[in-house]
Amino acid sequence: MQSSVPVKEGDTADTLAERVQAEERELYPKAIQLYAQGRLKLVGRQVRILPE
């Protein structure tokens, strides 16, 4: 899964990393759940999310 986070004026490597890690903490459980449900399919170099 992918997501984006804004890069804000005045960001440091630490503040940006904190924002990225917060987003990862949201996405990882969702990705693991999709994998456990067998809803991920590799098509070439892309992963597709299959419907329920």
C-alpha atoms as a PDB file:
ATOM      1  CA  MET A   1       0.000   0.000   0.000  1.00  0.00           C
ATOM      2  CA  GLN A   2       1.089   3.539  -0.600  1.00  0.00           C
ATOM      3  CA  SER A   3       0.214   6.890   0.785  1.00  0.00           C
ATOM      4  CA  SER A   4       1.690  10.348   0.746  1.00  0.00           C
ATOM      5  CA  VAL A   5       2.470  12.834   3.445  1.00  0.00           C
ATOM      6  CA  PRO A   6       3.020  16.547   2.996  1.00  0.00           C
ATOM      7  CA  VAL A   7       6.492  18.010   3.215  1.00  0.00           C
ATOM      8  CA  LYS A   8       6.043  21.166   5.210  1.00  0.00           C
ATOM      9  CA  GLU A   9       8.194  24.251   5.225  1.00  0.00           C
ATOM     10  CA  GLY A  10      10.577  23.999   8.128  1.00  0.00           C
ATOM     11  CA  ASP A  11      10.479  20.183   8.206  1.00  0.00           C
ATOM     12  CA  THR A  12      13.573  18.436   9.423  1.00  0.00           C
ATOM     13  CA  ALA A  13      14.507  14.859   8.634  1.00  0.00           C
ATOM     14  CA  ASP A  14      13.112  13.923  12.049  1.00  0.00           C
ATOM     15  CA  THR A  15       9.751  15.686  11.709  1.00  0.00           C
ATOM     16  CA  LEU A  16       9.215  14.275   8.214  1.00  0.00           C
ATOM     17  CA  ALA A  17      10.206  10.779   9.360  1.00  0.00           C
ATOM     18  CA  GLU A  18       7.731  11.065  12.232  1.00  0.00           C
ATOM     19  CA  ARG A  19       4.929  11.936   9.802  1.00  0.00           C
ATOM     20  CA  VAL A  20       5.868   9.074   7.467  1.00  0.00           C
ATOM     21  CA  GLN A  21       6.016   6.591  10.339  1.00  0.00           C
ATOM     22  CA  ALA A  22       2.597   7.680  11.606  1.00  0.00           C
ATOM     23  CA  GLU A  23       1.158   6.947   8.157  1.00  0.00           C
ATOM     24  CA  GLU A  24       2.945   3.584   8.052  1.00  0.00           C
ATOM     25  CA  ARG A  25       1.388   2.648  11.394  1.00  0.00           C
ATOM     26  CA  GLU A  26      -2.023   3.163   9.755  1.00  0.00           C
ATOM     27  CA  LEU A  27      -1.226   1.279   6.544  1.00  0.00           C
ATOM     28  CA  TYR A  28       0.649  -1.782   7.819  1.00  0.00           C
ATOM     29  CA  PRO A  29      -2.269  -3.389   9.692  1.00  0.00           C
ATOM     30  CA  LYS A  30      -4.520  -2.845   6.657  1.00  0.00           C
ATOM     31  CA  ALA A  31      -1.942  -4.419   4.331  1.00  0.00           C
ATOM     32  CA  ILE A  32      -1.478  -7.401   6.651  1.00  0.00           C
ATOM     33  CA  GLN A  33      -5.240  -7.890   6.835  1.00  0.00           C
ATOM     34  CA  LEU A  34      -5.548  -7.878   3.031  1.00  0.00           C
ATOM     35  CA  TYR A  35      -2.723 -10.420   2.794  1.00  0.00           C
ATOM     36  CA  ALA A  36      -4.288 -12.652   5.452  1.00  0.00           C
ATOM     37  CA  GLN A  37      -7.604 -12.534   3.598  1.00  0.00           C
ATOM     38  CA  GLY A  38      -5.908 -13.613   0.356  1.00  0.00           C
ATOM     39  CA  ARG A  39      -6.995 -10.402  -1.363  1.00  0.00           C
ATOM     40  CA  LEU A  40      -3.639  -9.454  -2.888  1.00  0.00           C
ATOM     41  CA  LYS A  41      -2.646 -10.545  -6.390  1.00  0.00           C
ATOM     42  CA  LEU A  42       0.674  -9.901  -8.102  1.00  0.00           C
ATOM     43  CA  VAL A  43       0.216  -8.749 -11.715  1.00  0.00           C
ATOM     44  CA  GLY A  44       3.592  -8.161 -13.311  1.00  0.00           C
ATOM     45  CA  ARG A  45       5.301  -5.804 -10.886  1.00  0.00           C
ATOM     46  CA  GLN A  46       2.092  -4.442  -9.394  1.00  0.00           C
ATOM     47  CA  VAL A  47      -0.007  -5.724  -6.530  1.00  0.00           C
ATOM     48  CA  ARG A  48      -3.770  -5.585  -7.049  1.00  0.00           C
ATOM     49  CA  ILE A  49      -6.311  -5.588  -4.239  1.00  0.00           C
ATOM     50  CA  LEU A  50      -9.060  -8.074  -4.990  1.00  0.00           C
ATOM     51  CA  PRO A  51     -12.683  -7.371  -4.030  1.00  0.00           C
ATOM     52  CA  GLU A  52     -14.172  -9.099  -0.992  1.00  0.00           C
END
